[in-house]
């Protein structure tokens, strides 16, 4: 697969990124309404929760943008997004313990009704920035009656459920990223393949000898270590799969 550097805005199409924005807006609204000088006198919890919520979409976007040049960085940043959501979930859990807000049972009506709400697939046109904004707002409205409820029990539990759902999305993303990395390698491996392919083509055009072991074109290489460092030799273009060499 040739190395290509394309648009870095592929994260616009990720449900995990869209949902993380819904969580961020819900967290900001929650903090503005329920954290005050009495239960958060220094505003530290407010800042911590809002920054954790903000970190998720930011790291998903940065990780996705680095995908083409560093699969490793993509996975790390996706995992950072997952970790910050776990931190945010812990803060909401602490709040629910303080105010005796019991989590919904898995078989409860509220739990089942909320889980039935699903995101729509994005359908962006030429005016993509506006379309993305409209899409996020439309998805946010689907959850609004829950996330903006005057009933604190419903509000806290729905936000917690959405965070859990987003964490699962990110776990699946990391698994896919790992499988793709194992199958295709990272940017460094892709560059090496491109370089070898170009060298092989050039060697073939210049009449390079064939490998004595497998018959593939050979590439002129340089010994990098030892007493013969600096000397040239012919090495098989299929190295390391083939160890064939010839003297120049």
Protein backbone atom coordinates (compact mmCIF):
# COMPACT_ATOMS: atom_id res chain seq x y z
CA UNK A 1 0.00 0.00 0.00
CA UNK A 2 1.63 3.32 -1.06
CA UNK A 3 2.33 5.93 1.60
CA UNK A 4 -0.15 8.79 1.22
CA UNK A 5 -0.66 11.93 3.29
CA UNK A 6 -4.32 12.92 3.07
CA UNK A 7 -6.72 15.17 4.99
CA UNK A 8 -6.34 14.92 8.77
CA UNK A 9 -10.04 15.52 9.49
CA UNK A 10 -11.15 11.91 9.31
CA UNK A 11 -12.13 12.10 13.00
CA UNK A 12 -15.20 14.10 11.93
CA UNK A 13 -16.69 10.75 10.90
CA UNK A 14 -15.92 8.93 14.15
CA UNK A 15 -18.93 8.24 16.39
CA UNK A 16 -16.57 8.22 19.39
CA UNK A 17 -15.49 11.79 18.62
CA UNK A 18 -19.08 12.97 18.13
CA UNK A 19 -20.21 11.32 21.36
CA UNK A 20 -17.27 12.76 23.29
CA UNK A 21 -18.44 16.25 22.28
CA UNK A 22 -21.93 15.47 23.59
CA UNK A 23 -20.36 14.36 26.88
CA UNK A 24 -18.27 17.54 27.03
CA UNK A 25 -21.31 19.78 26.58
CA UNK A 26 -23.30 17.77 29.14
CA UNK A 27 -20.43 18.00 31.64
CA UNK A 28 -20.08 21.77 31.23
CA UNK A 29 -23.83 22.21 31.72
CA UNK A 30 -23.80 19.92 34.76
CA UNK A 31 -20.87 21.71 36.40
CA UNK A 32 -22.36 25.14 35.79
CA UNK A 33 -25.59 24.10 37.48
CA UNK A 34 -24.54 21.80 40.30
CA UNK A 35 -21.04 22.84 41.41
CA UNK A 36 -20.86 25.95 43.53
CA UNK A 37 -18.95 27.67 46.33
CA UNK A 38 -20.50 25.33 48.88
CA UNK A 39 -19.57 21.94 47.38
CA UNK A 40 -16.61 23.15 45.27
CA UNK A 41 -15.30 26.29 47.01
CA UNK A 42 -12.09 26.60 45.04
CA UNK A 43 -13.60 25.56 41.71
CA UNK A 44 -11.03 22.80 41.43
CA UNK A 45 -13.53 20.00 40.76
CA UNK A 46 -15.25 22.14 38.12
CA UNK A 47 -11.97 22.66 36.30
CA UNK A 48 -10.96 19.02 36.64
CA UNK A 49 -14.22 17.64 35.27
CA UNK A 50 -14.47 20.10 32.38
CA UNK A 51 -10.84 19.57 31.38
CA UNK A 52 -11.23 15.77 31.53
CA UNK A 53 -14.33 16.02 29.33
CA UNK A 54 -12.53 18.34 26.91
CA UNK A 55 -9.50 16.05 26.74
CA UNK A 56 -11.46 13.18 25.19
CA UNK A 57 -12.47 14.79 21.86
CA UNK A 58 -9.14 16.64 21.71
CA UNK A 59 -7.09 13.44 22.00
CA UNK A 60 -9.32 11.50 19.61
CA UNK A 61 -8.85 14.28 17.04
CA UNK A 62 -5.08 14.48 17.55
CA UNK A 63 -4.67 10.71 17.47
CA UNK A 64 -6.72 10.36 14.29
CA UNK A 65 -4.74 13.20 12.70
CA UNK A 66 -1.46 11.39 13.47
CA UNK A 67 -2.72 8.09 12.00
CA UNK A 68 -0.93 8.48 8.67
CA UNK A 69 2.48 9.20 10.18
CA UNK A 70 2.41 7.32 13.48
CA UNK A 71 0.04 4.46 14.24
CA UNK A 72 1.73 4.15 17.64
CA UNK A 73 0.87 7.76 18.52
CA UNK A 74 -2.69 7.23 17.30
CA UNK A 75 -3.13 4.30 19.70
CA UNK A 76 -1.53 6.15 22.61
CA UNK A 77 -3.75 9.21 22.20
CA UNK A 78 -6.87 7.10 21.77
CA UNK A 79 -5.94 5.42 25.04
CA UNK A 80 -5.42 8.83 26.69
CA UNK A 81 -8.95 9.77 25.61
CA UNK A 82 -10.24 6.55 27.15
CA UNK A 83 -8.33 7.21 30.38
CA UNK A 84 -9.61 10.78 30.75
CA UNK A 85 -13.17 9.56 30.30
CA UNK A 86 -12.55 7.01 33.04
CA UNK A 87 -11.34 9.87 35.25
CA UNK A 88 -14.50 11.83 34.45
CA UNK A 89 -16.65 8.79 35.20
CA UNK A 90 -14.95 8.49 38.58
CA UNK A 91 -15.84 12.12 39.38
CA UNK A 92 -19.49 11.50 38.52
CA UNK A 93 -19.40 8.33 40.62
CA UNK A 94 -18.06 10.34 43.57
CA UNK A 95 -20.83 12.90 43.10
CA UNK A 96 -23.48 10.18 42.99
CA UNK A 97 -22.10 8.64 46.20
CA UNK A 98 -22.08 12.02 47.95
CA UNK A 99 -25.67 12.79 46.97
CA UNK A 100 -26.97 9.22 47.24
CA UNK A 101 -27.84 8.87 43.55
CA UNK A 102 -28.23 5.15 42.97
CA UNK A 103 -27.06 3.81 39.58
CA UNK A 104 -29.72 2.45 37.26
CA UNK A 105 -30.07 -1.32 37.31
CA UNK A 106 -29.25 -2.96 33.98
CA UNK A 107 -32.81 -4.19 33.61
CA UNK A 108 -34.50 -0.93 34.60
CA UNK A 109 -36.79 1.03 32.28
CA UNK A 110 -34.56 4.11 32.33
CA UNK A 111 -31.47 2.06 31.51
CA UNK A 112 -33.14 0.28 28.58
CA UNK A 113 -34.76 3.44 27.22
CA UNK A 114 -31.53 5.42 27.32
CA UNK A 115 -29.50 2.63 25.71
CA UNK A 116 -31.95 2.49 22.84
CA UNK A 117 -30.90 5.97 21.69
CA UNK A 118 -28.32 5.60 18.93
CA UNK A 119 -26.23 8.04 16.94
CA UNK A 120 -27.05 8.68 13.30
CA UNK A 121 -24.34 8.14 10.73
CA UNK A 122 -22.86 11.43 9.49
CA UNK A 123 -23.78 12.58 6.01
CA UNK A 124 -21.56 15.54 5.27
CA UNK A 125 -21.56 17.58 2.10
CA UNK A 126 -19.20 20.17 0.64
CA UNK A 127 -19.68 22.60 3.55
CA UNK A 128 -18.17 20.11 5.96
CA UNK A 129 -17.42 22.40 8.93
CA UNK A 130 -21.04 23.55 9.08
CA UNK A 131 -22.33 20.04 8.44
CA UNK A 132 -20.23 18.62 11.29
CA UNK A 133 -21.54 21.28 13.68
CA UNK A 134 -25.14 20.56 12.66
CA UNK A 135 -24.59 16.81 13.00
CA UNK A 136 -23.21 17.08 16.54
CA UNK A 137 -26.05 19.37 17.56
CA UNK A 138 -28.64 17.00 16.09
CA UNK A 139 -27.14 14.04 17.98
CA UNK A 140 -26.97 16.06 21.17
CA UNK A 141 -30.71 16.83 20.93
CA UNK A 142 -31.48 13.10 20.86
CA UNK A 143 -30.11 12.83 24.42
CA UNK A 144 -31.10 16.31 25.64
CA UNK A 145 -34.18 15.32 27.66
CA UNK A 146 -31.95 13.02 29.71
CA UNK A 147 -28.71 14.99 29.90
CA UNK A 148 -30.44 18.29 30.71
CA UNK A 149 -33.14 16.85 32.97
CA UNK A 150 -34.15 18.75 36.11
CA UNK A 151 -34.20 15.36 37.81
CA UNK A 152 -30.67 14.98 39.20
CA UNK A 153 -30.94 11.17 39.29
CA UNK A 154 -31.73 11.03 35.57
CA UNK A 155 -29.11 13.63 34.70
CA UNK A 156 -26.21 11.99 36.53
CA UNK A 157 -27.06 8.44 35.47
CA UNK A 158 -27.52 9.33 31.80
CA UNK A 159 -24.18 11.13 31.69
CA UNK A 160 -22.50 8.15 33.34
CA UNK A 161 -24.12 5.79 30.84
CA UNK A 162 -22.95 7.91 27.93
CA UNK A 163 -19.40 8.01 29.28
CA UNK A 164 -19.40 4.22 29.65
CA UNK A 165 -20.64 3.86 26.09
CA UNK A 166 -17.91 6.17 24.81
CA UNK A 167 -15.24 4.21 26.70
CA UNK A 168 -16.40 0.98 25.04
CA UNK A 169 -16.22 2.70 21.64
CA UNK A 170 -12.63 3.73 22.32
CA UNK A 171 -11.69 0.25 23.51
CA UNK A 172 -12.94 -1.14 20.20
CA UNK A 173 -11.06 1.57 18.30
CA UNK A 174 -7.80 0.66 20.04
CA UNK A 175 -8.33 -3.03 19.21
CA UNK A 176 -8.88 -2.18 15.52
CA UNK A 177 -5.86 0.11 15.49
CA UNK A 178 -3.70 -2.63 16.99
CA UNK A 179 -4.87 -5.18 14.41
CA UNK A 180 -4.17 -2.74 11.57
CA UNK A 181 -0.73 -2.01 12.99
CA UNK A 182 0.11 -5.72 13.22
CA UNK A 183 -1.13 -6.28 9.68
CA UNK A 184 0.26 -3.19 7.93
CA UNK A 185 2.97 -1.83 10.21
CA UNK A 186 3.48 1.79 11.11
CA UNK A 187 4.65 4.78 9.11
CA UNK A 188 8.32 3.80 9.42
CA UNK A 189 7.63 0.32 8.04
CA UNK A 190 5.57 1.75 5.20
CA UNK A 191 8.34 4.18 4.28
CA UNK A 192 10.87 1.34 4.29
CA UNK A 193 8.66 -0.68 1.93
CA UNK A 194 8.31 2.31 -0.40
CA UNK A 195 12.06 2.85 -0.39
CA UNK A 196 12.80 -0.82 -1.13
CA UNK A 197 10.23 -0.85 -3.94
CA UNK A 198 11.81 2.21 -5.53
CA UNK A 199 15.32 0.80 -5.17
CA UNK A 200 14.21 -2.52 -6.66
CA UNK A 201 12.68 -0.79 -9.68
CA UNK A 202 15.78 1.33 -10.19
CA UNK A 203 18.05 -1.71 -9.85
CA UNK A 204 16.01 -3.62 -12.41
CA UNK A 205 16.15 -0.71 -14.85
CA UNK A 206 19.94 -0.46 -14.41
CA UNK A 207 20.46 -4.16 -15.08
CA UNK A 208 21.28 -5.23 -11.54
CA UNK A 209 22.09 -8.93 -11.10
CA UNK A 210 19.50 -11.42 -9.92
CA UNK A 211 19.67 -12.94 -6.46
CA UNK A 212 21.45 -16.32 -6.55
CA UNK A 213 18.95 -17.70 -4.03
CA UNK A 214 15.53 -16.45 -5.15
CA UNK A 215 16.10 -14.76 -8.50
CA UNK A 216 14.74 -11.35 -7.50
CA UNK A 217 16.57 -8.11 -8.44
CA UNK A 218 19.42 -7.13 -6.17
CA UNK A 219 20.16 -3.73 -4.63
CA UNK A 220 23.56 -2.16 -4.14
CA UNK A 221 24.19 -1.88 -0.41
CA UNK A 222 27.01 -0.67 1.85
CA UNK A 223 28.57 -2.57 4.74
CA UNK A 224 28.01 -0.40 7.83
CA UNK A 225 30.11 -2.15 10.48
CA UNK A 226 33.30 -4.09 10.94
CA UNK A 227 36.60 -4.19 9.10
CA UNK A 228 34.88 -3.94 5.70
CA UNK A 229 32.68 -0.98 6.62
CA UNK A 230 32.11 1.28 3.62
CA UNK A 231 32.50 -1.46 1.01
CA UNK A 232 29.62 -2.08 -1.40
CA UNK A 233 27.91 -5.37 -2.17
CA UNK A 234 24.76 -6.64 -3.87
CA UNK A 235 21.95 -7.63 -1.48
CA UNK A 236 18.64 -9.24 -2.31
CA UNK A 237 15.74 -6.77 -2.58
CA UNK A 238 13.62 -9.23 -0.58
CA UNK A 239 15.85 -8.94 2.50
CA UNK A 240 15.29 -9.96 5.32
CA UNK A 241 13.12 -12.74 3.82
CA UNK A 242 16.04 -13.67 1.57
CA UNK A 243 19.71 -13.40 2.61
CA UNK A 244 21.20 -13.66 -0.87
CA UNK A 245 24.32 -11.54 -1.63
CA UNK A 246 26.86 -11.01 -4.42
CA UNK A 247 30.16 -9.19 -4.63
CA UNK A 248 30.14 -5.99 -6.66
